[in-house]
């Protein structure tokens, strides 16, 4: 039996089927391999996204470089890695796509909101809740698209945890107002302390997929498949509203 090949048209049709529209502002988390065989590879996925949202929409893709270490002077010219896969790497190389300078949780972005996205995301590197891009995105009618990945890749759920003040990440709060410039000006030992606190949690076994039934109950998530990939689409405001409320009621909801 011949292997099914996913085309750019298949991807565009699937994106429209799940509710992505012209002018959408969307954060994309993705896995190219989840689709199966894609004619044109990651370029076809990127082309389909750009075609679907058009010039009036903004696409954001996390890169998560993790290139900076405490005590280092951050040198952006040497920090161009992308940990989040082939689709964000390809997207970041496209003419017209901009990239921020966050030393840990960098993003690539294109569209009318690109400069705003980079400014918000870069300003406070250890942000908490309302000062993070993933919270402020909801005020831009922002949405989240999961292409072949589940909610464990959905960074917006971290906002739900923080707004609910779940106890296992409360140690991040003290550094949540520190700008990138202020962090870099600290002695190495203090930088190390802050990074260690930021990256650590008291409980590490969590499953963000436990948020999906809550979104389904509110009819706040749309799904389809493209090739072999499960596709999920939702609005940031819904994820934050319903997810934070559920975690306030049960702070251990996501712990497994």
C-alpha atoms as a PDB file:
ATOM      1  CA  UNK A   1       0.000   0.000   0.000  1.00  0.00           C
ATOM      2  CA  UNK A   2       1.449   3.348  -1.080  1.00  0.00           C
ATOM      3  CA  UNK A   3       2.334   5.844   1.622  1.00  0.00           C
ATOM      4  CA  UNK A   4       0.008   8.843   1.779  1.00  0.00           C
ATOM      5  CA  UNK A   5       1.798  12.080   0.926  1.00  0.00           C
ATOM      6  CA  UNK A   6       0.615  15.290   2.588  1.00  0.00           C
ATOM      7  CA  UNK A   7       0.608  18.295   0.255  1.00  0.00           C
ATOM      8  CA  UNK A   8       0.584  21.997   0.991  1.00  0.00           C
ATOM      9  CA  UNK A   9      -3.059  22.084  -0.119  1.00  0.00           C
ATOM     10  CA  UNK A  10      -3.889  19.343   2.383  1.00  0.00           C
ATOM     11  CA  UNK A  11      -2.331  21.459   5.118  1.00  0.00           C
ATOM     12  CA  UNK A  12      -4.142  24.648   4.071  1.00  0.00           C
ATOM     13  CA  UNK A  13      -7.447  22.777   3.924  1.00  0.00           C
ATOM     14  CA  UNK A  14      -6.833  21.265   7.358  1.00  0.00           C
ATOM     15  CA  UNK A  15      -5.901  24.606   8.897  1.00  0.00           C
ATOM     16  CA  UNK A  16      -9.095  26.171   7.569  1.00  0.00           C
ATOM     17  CA  UNK A  17     -11.096  23.173   8.748  1.00  0.00           C
ATOM     18  CA  UNK A  18      -9.873  23.617  12.297  1.00  0.00           C
ATOM     19  CA  UNK A  19     -10.716  27.331  12.263  1.00  0.00           C
ATOM     20  CA  UNK A  20      -7.525  29.204  11.365  1.00  0.00           C
ATOM     21  CA  UNK A  21      -8.500  32.279   9.366  1.00  0.00           C
ATOM     22  CA  UNK A  22      -7.035  35.181   7.437  1.00  0.00           C
ATOM     23  CA  UNK A  23      -5.821  37.780   9.927  1.00  0.00           C
ATOM     24  CA  UNK A  24      -5.353  35.310  12.781  1.00  0.00           C
ATOM     25  CA  UNK A  25      -2.688  35.940  15.390  1.00  0.00           C
ATOM     26  CA  UNK A  26      -1.365  32.512  16.277  1.00  0.00           C
ATOM     27  CA  UNK A  27       1.358  30.871  18.330  1.00  0.00           C
ATOM     28  CA  UNK A  28       2.377  27.601  16.676  1.00  0.00           C
ATOM     29  CA  UNK A  29       3.855  24.525  18.381  1.00  0.00           C
ATOM     30  CA  UNK A  30       4.692  21.761  15.925  1.00  0.00           C
ATOM     31  CA  UNK A  31       6.245  18.447  14.897  1.00  0.00           C
ATOM     32  CA  UNK A  32       7.039  17.837  11.246  1.00  0.00           C
ATOM     33  CA  UNK A  33       7.469  14.078  11.675  1.00  0.00           C
ATOM     34  CA  UNK A  34       3.945  13.767  13.100  1.00  0.00           C
ATOM     35  CA  UNK A  35       2.443  14.482   9.656  1.00  0.00           C
ATOM     36  CA  UNK A  36       4.083  11.508   8.007  1.00  0.00           C
ATOM     37  CA  UNK A  37       5.533  12.223   4.585  1.00  0.00           C
ATOM     38  CA  UNK A  38       5.076  15.876   3.563  1.00  0.00           C
ATOM     39  CA  UNK A  39       5.682  16.924  -0.017  1.00  0.00           C
ATOM     40  CA  UNK A  40       8.101  19.824   0.342  1.00  0.00           C
ATOM     41  CA  UNK A  41       8.805  19.097   4.000  1.00  0.00           C
ATOM     42  CA  UNK A  42       8.808  21.924   6.521  1.00  0.00           C
ATOM     43  CA  UNK A  43       8.674  24.525   3.730  1.00  0.00           C
ATOM     44  CA  UNK A  44       5.204  23.322   2.779  1.00  0.00           C
ATOM     45  CA  UNK A  45       3.975  23.626   6.369  1.00  0.00           C
ATOM     46  CA  UNK A  46       5.389  27.158   6.678  1.00  0.00           C
ATOM     47  CA  UNK A  47       3.952  28.132   3.275  1.00  0.00           C
ATOM     48  CA  UNK A  48       0.531  26.814   4.298  1.00  0.00           C
ATOM     49  CA  UNK A  49       0.547  28.781   7.563  1.00  0.00           C
ATOM     50  CA  UNK A  50       1.587  32.018   5.864  1.00  0.00           C
ATOM     51  CA  UNK A  51      -0.979  31.563   3.090  1.00  0.00           C
ATOM     52  CA  UNK A  52      -3.773  30.847   5.569  1.00  0.00           C
ATOM     53  CA  UNK A  53      -3.264  33.819   7.904  1.00  0.00           C
ATOM     54  CA  UNK A  54      -2.217  36.202   5.113  1.00  0.00           C
ATOM     55  CA  UNK A  55      -0.374  39.495   5.472  1.00  0.00           C
ATOM     56  CA  UNK A  56      -2.774  40.759   8.134  1.00  0.00           C
ATOM     57  CA  UNK A  57      -2.068  37.887  10.529  1.00  0.00           C
ATOM     58  CA  UNK A  58       0.894  37.285  12.832  1.00  0.00           C
ATOM     59  CA  UNK A  59       2.604  33.917  13.323  1.00  0.00           C
ATOM     60  CA  UNK A  60       4.792  33.246  16.369  1.00  0.00           C
ATOM     61  CA  UNK A  61       6.966  30.155  16.813  1.00  0.00           C
ATOM     62  CA  UNK A  62       8.958  29.486  19.994  1.00  0.00           C
ATOM     63  CA  UNK A  63      12.621  28.631  19.416  1.00  0.00           C
ATOM     64  CA  UNK A  64      13.769  27.921  23.005  1.00  0.00           C
ATOM     65  CA  UNK A  65      17.480  28.390  22.379  1.00  0.00           C
ATOM     66  CA  UNK A  66      18.870  27.691  25.885  1.00  0.00           C
ATOM     67  CA  UNK A  67      22.180  29.079  24.599  1.00  0.00           C
ATOM     68  CA  UNK A  68      22.927  31.352  27.530  1.00  0.00           C
ATOM     69  CA  UNK A  69      24.642  30.285  30.741  1.00  0.00           C
ATOM     70  CA  UNK A  70      24.890  32.318  33.962  1.00  0.00           C
ATOM     71  CA  UNK A  71      27.914  34.614  34.021  1.00  0.00           C
ATOM     72  CA  UNK A  72      28.210  34.755  30.241  1.00  0.00           C
ATOM     73  CA  UNK A  73      27.908  37.922  28.242  1.00  0.00           C
ATOM     74  CA  UNK A  74      25.103  37.044  25.869  1.00  0.00           C
ATOM     75  CA  UNK A  75      26.364  37.041  22.279  1.00  0.00           C
ATOM     76  CA  UNK A  76      23.394  36.784  19.964  1.00  0.00           C
ATOM     77  CA  UNK A  77      25.588  36.230  16.890  1.00  0.00           C
ATOM     78  CA  UNK A  78      26.584  32.868  18.384  1.00  0.00           C
ATOM     79  CA  UNK A  79      23.133  31.863  19.610  1.00  0.00           C
ATOM     80  CA  UNK A  80      21.015  30.838  16.646  1.00  0.00           C
ATOM     81  CA  UNK A  81      19.985  27.328  17.625  1.00  0.00           C
ATOM     82  CA  UNK A  82      16.335  26.296  17.602  1.00  0.00           C
ATOM     83  CA  UNK A  83      15.320  23.486  19.940  1.00  0.00           C
ATOM     84  CA  UNK A  84      11.723  23.230  18.806  1.00  0.00           C
ATOM     85  CA  UNK A  85      12.189  21.420  15.499  1.00  0.00           C
ATOM     86  CA  UNK A  86      12.381  21.714  11.750  1.00  0.00           C
ATOM     87  CA  UNK A  87       9.250  23.814  11.205  1.00  0.00           C
ATOM     88  CA  UNK A  88      10.354  26.703  13.499  1.00  0.00           C
ATOM     89  CA  UNK A  89      13.898  26.483  12.094  1.00  0.00           C
ATOM     90  CA  UNK A  90      12.568  26.808   8.533  1.00  0.00           C
ATOM     91  CA  UNK A  91      10.140  29.567   9.530  1.00  0.00           C
ATOM     92  CA  UNK A  92      12.942  31.532  11.198  1.00  0.00           C
ATOM     93  CA  UNK A  93      15.006  31.465   8.002  1.00  0.00           C
ATOM     94  CA  UNK A  94      12.282  32.995   5.856  1.00  0.00           C
ATOM     95  CA  UNK A  95      12.761  36.575   4.614  1.00  0.00           C
ATOM     96  CA  UNK A  96      10.450  38.815   6.601  1.00  0.00           C
ATOM     97  CA  UNK A  97      10.571  36.692   9.745  1.00  0.00           C
ATOM     98  CA  UNK A  98      12.063  38.436  12.784  1.00  0.00           C
ATOM     99  CA  UNK A  99      13.733  36.837  15.765  1.00  0.00           C
ATOM    100  CA  UNK A 100      14.006  38.122  19.310  1.00  0.00           C
ATOM    101  CA  UNK A 101      16.967  38.047  21.685  1.00  0.00           C
ATOM    102  CA  UNK A 102      15.611  36.255  24.722  1.00  0.00           C
ATOM    103  CA  UNK A 103      18.479  34.081  26.024  1.00  0.00           C
ATOM    104  CA  UNK A 104      16.270  31.108  26.942  1.00  0.00           C
ATOM    105  CA  UNK A 105      12.764  31.318  25.457  1.00  0.00           C
ATOM    106  CA  UNK A 106      13.333  33.089  22.175  1.00  0.00           C
ATOM    107  CA  UNK A 107      10.692  33.365  19.434  1.00  0.00           C
ATOM    108  CA  UNK A 108      10.575  33.865  15.670  1.00  0.00           C
ATOM    109  CA  UNK A 109       7.685  35.955  14.392  1.00  0.00           C
ATOM    110  CA  UNK A 110       6.298  37.529  11.230  1.00  0.00           C
ATOM    111  CA  UNK A 111       3.344  39.821  10.687  1.00  0.00           C
ATOM    112  CA  UNK A 112       2.058  43.209  11.854  1.00  0.00           C
ATOM    113  CA  UNK A 113       2.576  42.389  15.558  1.00  0.00           C
ATOM    114  CA  UNK A 114       6.174  41.179  15.165  1.00  0.00           C
ATOM    115  CA  UNK A 115       7.892  44.126  16.878  1.00  0.00           C
ATOM    116  CA  UNK A 116       5.388  44.104  19.749  1.00  0.00           C
ATOM    117  CA  UNK A 117       5.861  40.357  20.280  1.00  0.00           C
ATOM    118  CA  UNK A 118       9.640  40.664  20.470  1.00  0.00           C
ATOM    119  CA  UNK A 119       9.489  43.655  22.812  1.00  0.00           C
ATOM    120  CA  UNK A 120       7.159  41.884  25.249  1.00  0.00           C
ATOM    121  CA  UNK A 121       8.947  38.531  25.101  1.00  0.00           C
ATOM    122  CA  UNK A 122      12.473  39.914  25.488  1.00  0.00           C
ATOM    123  CA  UNK A 123      11.891  42.498  28.208  1.00  0.00           C
ATOM    124  CA  UNK A 124      11.493  40.306  31.298  1.00  0.00           C
ATOM    125  CA  UNK A 125      13.273  36.976  30.740  1.00  0.00           C
ATOM    126  CA  UNK A 126      11.990  35.321  33.915  1.00  0.00           C
ATOM    127  CA  UNK A 127       8.450  36.655  33.575  1.00  0.00           C
ATOM    128  CA  UNK A 128       5.525  35.406  35.647  1.00  0.00           C
ATOM    129  CA  UNK A 129       1.861  35.353  34.666  1.00  0.00           C
ATOM    130  CA  UNK A 130       0.629  38.671  33.371  1.00  0.00           C
ATOM    131  CA  UNK A 131       4.004  40.013  32.266  1.00  0.00           C
ATOM    132  CA  UNK A 132       4.616  37.129  29.843  1.00  0.00           C
ATOM    133  CA  UNK A 133       3.947  37.181  26.112  1.00  0.00           C
ATOM    134  CA  UNK A 134       1.713  34.113  26.429  1.00  0.00           C
ATOM    135  CA  UNK A 135      -0.633  36.048  28.756  1.00  0.00           C
ATOM    136  CA  UNK A 136      -0.632  39.330  26.827  1.00  0.00           C
ATOM    137  CA  UNK A 137      -1.272  37.445  23.589  1.00  0.00           C
ATOM    138  CA  UNK A 138      -4.908  37.005  24.615  1.00  0.00           C
ATOM    139  CA  UNK A 139      -5.408  40.782  24.365  1.00  0.00           C
ATOM    140  CA  UNK A 140      -4.484  40.592  20.675  1.00  0.00           C
ATOM    141  CA  UNK A 141      -7.207  37.993  20.044  1.00  0.00           C
ATOM    142  CA  UNK A 142      -4.319  35.545  20.061  1.00  0.00           C
ATOM    143  CA  UNK A 143      -4.695  31.844  19.458  1.00  0.00           C
ATOM    144  CA  UNK A 144      -2.687  28.642  19.852  1.00  0.00           C
ATOM    145  CA  UNK A 145      -2.197  26.008  17.174  1.00  0.00           C
ATOM    146  CA  UNK A 146      -0.790  22.556  17.968  1.00  0.00           C
ATOM    147  CA  UNK A 147       0.441  20.792  14.832  1.00  0.00           C
ATOM    148  CA  UNK A 148       1.137  17.162  15.611  1.00  0.00           C
ATOM    149  CA  UNK A 149       2.007  17.870  19.247  1.00  0.00           C
ATOM    150  CA  UNK A 150      -0.149  17.665  22.359  1.00  0.00           C
ATOM    151  CA  UNK A 151      -0.674  20.101  25.229  1.00  0.00           C
ATOM    152  CA  UNK A 152       2.665  19.235  26.803  1.00  0.00           C
ATOM    153  CA  UNK A 153       4.055  21.580  24.138  1.00  0.00           C
ATOM    154  CA  UNK A 154       1.422  24.262  24.875  1.00  0.00           C
ATOM    155  CA  UNK A 155       3.324  27.028  26.671  1.00  0.00           C
ATOM    156  CA  UNK A 156       0.143  28.958  27.443  1.00  0.00           C
ATOM    157  CA  UNK A 157      -0.718  26.387  30.118  1.00  0.00           C
ATOM    158  CA  UNK A 158       2.233  27.673  32.153  1.00  0.00           C
ATOM    159  CA  UNK A 159       0.268  30.910  32.464  1.00  0.00           C
ATOM    160  CA  UNK A 160      -2.652  28.974  33.957  1.00  0.00           C
ATOM    161  CA  UNK A 161      -0.315  27.497  36.571  1.00  0.00           C
ATOM    162  CA  UNK A 162       1.115  30.887  37.448  1.00  0.00           C
ATOM    163  CA  UNK A 163      -2.215  32.720  37.684  1.00  0.00           C
ATOM    164  CA  UNK A 164      -3.503  29.920  39.924  1.00  0.00           C
ATOM    165  CA  UNK A 165      -0.290  30.216  41.977  1.00  0.00           C
ATOM    166  CA  UNK A 166       0.139  26.455  42.171  1.00  0.00           C
ATOM    167  CA  UNK A 167       2.632  25.704  44.966  1.00  0.00           C
ATOM    168  CA  UNK A 168       5.131  23.690  42.963  1.00  0.00           C
ATOM    169  CA  UNK A 169       6.252  26.682  40.854  1.00  0.00           C
ATOM    170  CA  UNK A 170       5.837  29.476  43.401  1.00  0.00           C
ATOM    171  CA  UNK A 171       9.621  29.790  43.688  1.00  0.00           C
ATOM    172  CA  UNK A 172       9.710  31.624  40.356  1.00  0.00           C
ATOM    173  CA  UNK A 173       7.875  34.692  41.602  1.00  0.00           C
ATOM    174  CA  UNK A 174      10.764  36.679  43.160  1.00  0.00           C
ATOM    175  CA  UNK A 175      12.484  37.287  39.823  1.00  0.00           C
ATOM    176  CA  UNK A 176       9.367  37.975  37.783  1.00  0.00           C
ATOM    177  CA  UNK A 177       9.934  41.739  37.405  1.00  0.00           C
ATOM    178  CA  UNK A 178      13.642  41.649  36.526  1.00  0.00           C
ATOM    179  CA  UNK A 179      14.526  42.913  33.056  1.00  0.00           C
ATOM    180  CA  UNK A 180      17.125  41.263  30.859  1.00  0.00           C
ATOM    181  CA  UNK A 181      19.536  44.166  31.383  1.00  0.00           C
ATOM    182  CA  UNK A 182      19.155  43.939  35.169  1.00  0.00           C
ATOM    183  CA  UNK A 183      19.740  40.185  35.147  1.00  0.00           C
ATOM    184  CA  UNK A 184      22.897  40.485  33.065  1.00  0.00           C
ATOM    185  CA  UNK A 185      24.283  43.166  35.418  1.00  0.00           C
ATOM    186  CA  UNK A 186      24.187  40.859  38.466  1.00  0.00           C
ATOM    187  CA  UNK A 187      27.231  38.949  39.756  1.00  0.00           C
ATOM    188  CA  UNK A 188      27.597  35.445  38.356  1.00  0.00           C
ATOM    189  CA  UNK A 189      26.614  33.786  41.642  1.00  0.00           C
ATOM    190  CA  UNK A 190      23.326  35.688  41.764  1.00  0.00           C
ATOM    191  CA  UNK A 191      22.581  34.903  38.127  1.00  0.00           C
ATOM    192  CA  UNK A 192      23.147  31.215  38.833  1.00  0.00           C
ATOM    193  CA  UNK A 193      20.807  31.340  41.822  1.00  0.00           C
ATOM    194  CA  UNK A 194      18.043  32.979  39.802  1.00  0.00           C
ATOM    195  CA  UNK A 195      18.398  30.599  36.838  1.00  0.00           C
ATOM    196  CA  UNK A 196      18.415  27.572  39.134  1.00  0.00           C
ATOM    197  CA  UNK A 197      15.249  28.749  40.869  1.00  0.00           C
ATOM    198  CA  UNK A 198      13.595  29.535  37.556  1.00  0.00           C
ATOM    199  CA  UNK A 199      14.371  26.195  35.949  1.00  0.00           C
ATOM    200  CA  UNK A 200      13.541  24.024  38.955  1.00  0.00           C
ATOM    201  CA  UNK A 201      10.199  22.791  40.272  1.00  0.00           C
ATOM    202  CA  UNK A 202       9.216  20.875  43.375  1.00  0.00           C
ATOM    203  CA  UNK A 203       7.265  18.334  41.291  1.00  0.00           C
ATOM    204  CA  UNK A 204       8.265  17.589  37.727  1.00  0.00           C
ATOM    205  CA  UNK A 205       5.805  14.890  36.602  1.00  0.00           C
ATOM    206  CA  UNK A 206       2.980  16.838  34.979  1.00  0.00           C
ATOM    207  CA  UNK A 207       0.627  16.130  32.093  1.00  0.00           C
ATOM    208  CA  UNK A 208      -0.785  19.246  30.460  1.00  0.00           C
ATOM    209  CA  UNK A 209      -3.163  17.083  28.413  1.00  0.00           C
ATOM    210  CA  UNK A 210      -5.399  16.956  31.474  1.00  0.00           C
ATOM    211  CA  UNK A 211      -6.521  20.459  30.495  1.00  0.00           C
ATOM    212  CA  UNK A 212      -8.094  19.239  27.233  1.00  0.00           C
ATOM    213  CA  UNK A 213     -11.351  17.813  28.696  1.00  0.00           C
ATOM    214  CA  UNK A 214     -11.923  21.187  30.348  1.00  0.00           C
ATOM    215  CA  UNK A 215     -11.579  22.996  27.016  1.00  0.00           C
ATOM    216  CA  UNK A 216     -13.780  20.397  25.316  1.00  0.00           C
ATOM    217  CA  UNK A 217     -16.511  20.867  27.927  1.00  0.00           C
ATOM    218  CA  UNK A 218     -16.498  24.604  27.149  1.00  0.00           C
ATOM    219  CA  UNK A 219     -16.445  23.973  23.372  1.00  0.00           C
ATOM    220  CA  UNK A 220     -13.243  26.002  23.337  1.00  0.00           C
ATOM    221  CA  UNK A 221     -11.027  23.708  21.259  1.00  0.00           C
ATOM    222  CA  UNK A 222     -11.264  22.589  17.639  1.00  0.00           C
ATOM    223  CA  UNK A 223      -9.591  19.475  16.236  1.00  0.00           C
ATOM    224  CA  UNK A 224      -8.860  17.761  12.972  1.00  0.00           C
ATOM    225  CA  UNK A 225      -6.157  15.629  11.422  1.00  0.00           C
ATOM    226  CA  UNK A 226      -3.753  16.380   8.572  1.00  0.00           C
ATOM    227  CA  UNK A 227      -2.007  13.277   7.332  1.00  0.00           C
ATOM    228  CA  UNK A 228      -1.111  11.440  10.522  1.00  0.00           C
ATOM    229  CA  UNK A 229      -0.935  14.599  12.645  1.00  0.00           C
ATOM    230  CA  UNK A 230      -3.521  15.551  15.241  1.00  0.00           C
ATOM    231  CA  UNK A 231      -4.287  19.263  14.993  1.00  0.00           C
ATOM    232  CA  UNK A 232      -5.685  21.360  17.855  1.00  0.00           C
ATOM    233  CA  UNK A 233      -6.694  25.019  17.733  1.00  0.00           C
ATOM    234  CA  UNK A 234      -7.851  27.261  20.592  1.00  0.00           C
ATOM    235  CA  UNK A 235      -7.908  30.874  21.714  1.00  0.00           C
ATOM    236  CA  UNK A 236      -5.433  31.985  24.367  1.00  0.00           C
ATOM    237  CA  UNK A 237      -8.107  33.731  26.421  1.00  0.00           C
ATOM    238  CA  UNK A 238     -10.052  30.469  26.717  1.00  0.00           C
ATOM    239  CA  UNK A 239      -7.029  28.402  27.695  1.00  0.00           C
ATOM    240  CA  UNK A 240      -6.108  30.962  30.349  1.00  0.00           C
ATOM    241  CA  UNK A 241      -9.619  31.533  31.686  1.00  0.00           C
ATOM    242  CA  UNK A 242     -10.720  27.917  31.929  1.00  0.00           C
ATOM    243  CA  UNK A 243      -7.312  26.468  32.750  1.00  0.00           C
ATOM    244  CA  UNK A 244      -6.554  28.928  35.554  1.00  0.00           C
ATOM    245  CA  UNK A 245     -10.025  28.456  37.069  1.00  0.00           C
ATOM    246  CA  UNK A 246      -9.602  24.674  37.072  1.00  0.00           C
ATOM    247  CA  UNK A 247      -6.174  24.931  38.708  1.00  0.00           C
ATOM    248  CA  UNK A 248      -7.425  27.320  41.364  1.00  0.00           C
ATOM    249  CA  UNK A 249     -10.065  24.749  42.230  1.00  0.00           C
ATOM    250  CA  UNK A 250      -7.585  21.862  42.120  1.00  0.00           C
ATOM    251  CA  UNK A 251      -3.913  22.981  42.171  1.00  0.00           C
ATOM    252  CA  UNK A 252      -2.757  19.393  41.606  1.00  0.00           C
ATOM    253  CA  UNK A 253      -4.886  18.885  38.502  1.00  0.00           C
ATOM    254  CA  UNK A 254      -1.892  18.452  36.192  1.00  0.00           C
ATOM    255  CA  UNK A 255       0.258  16.363  38.527  1.00  0.00           C
ATOM    256  CA  UNK A 256       0.554  12.690  37.581  1.00  0.00           C
END
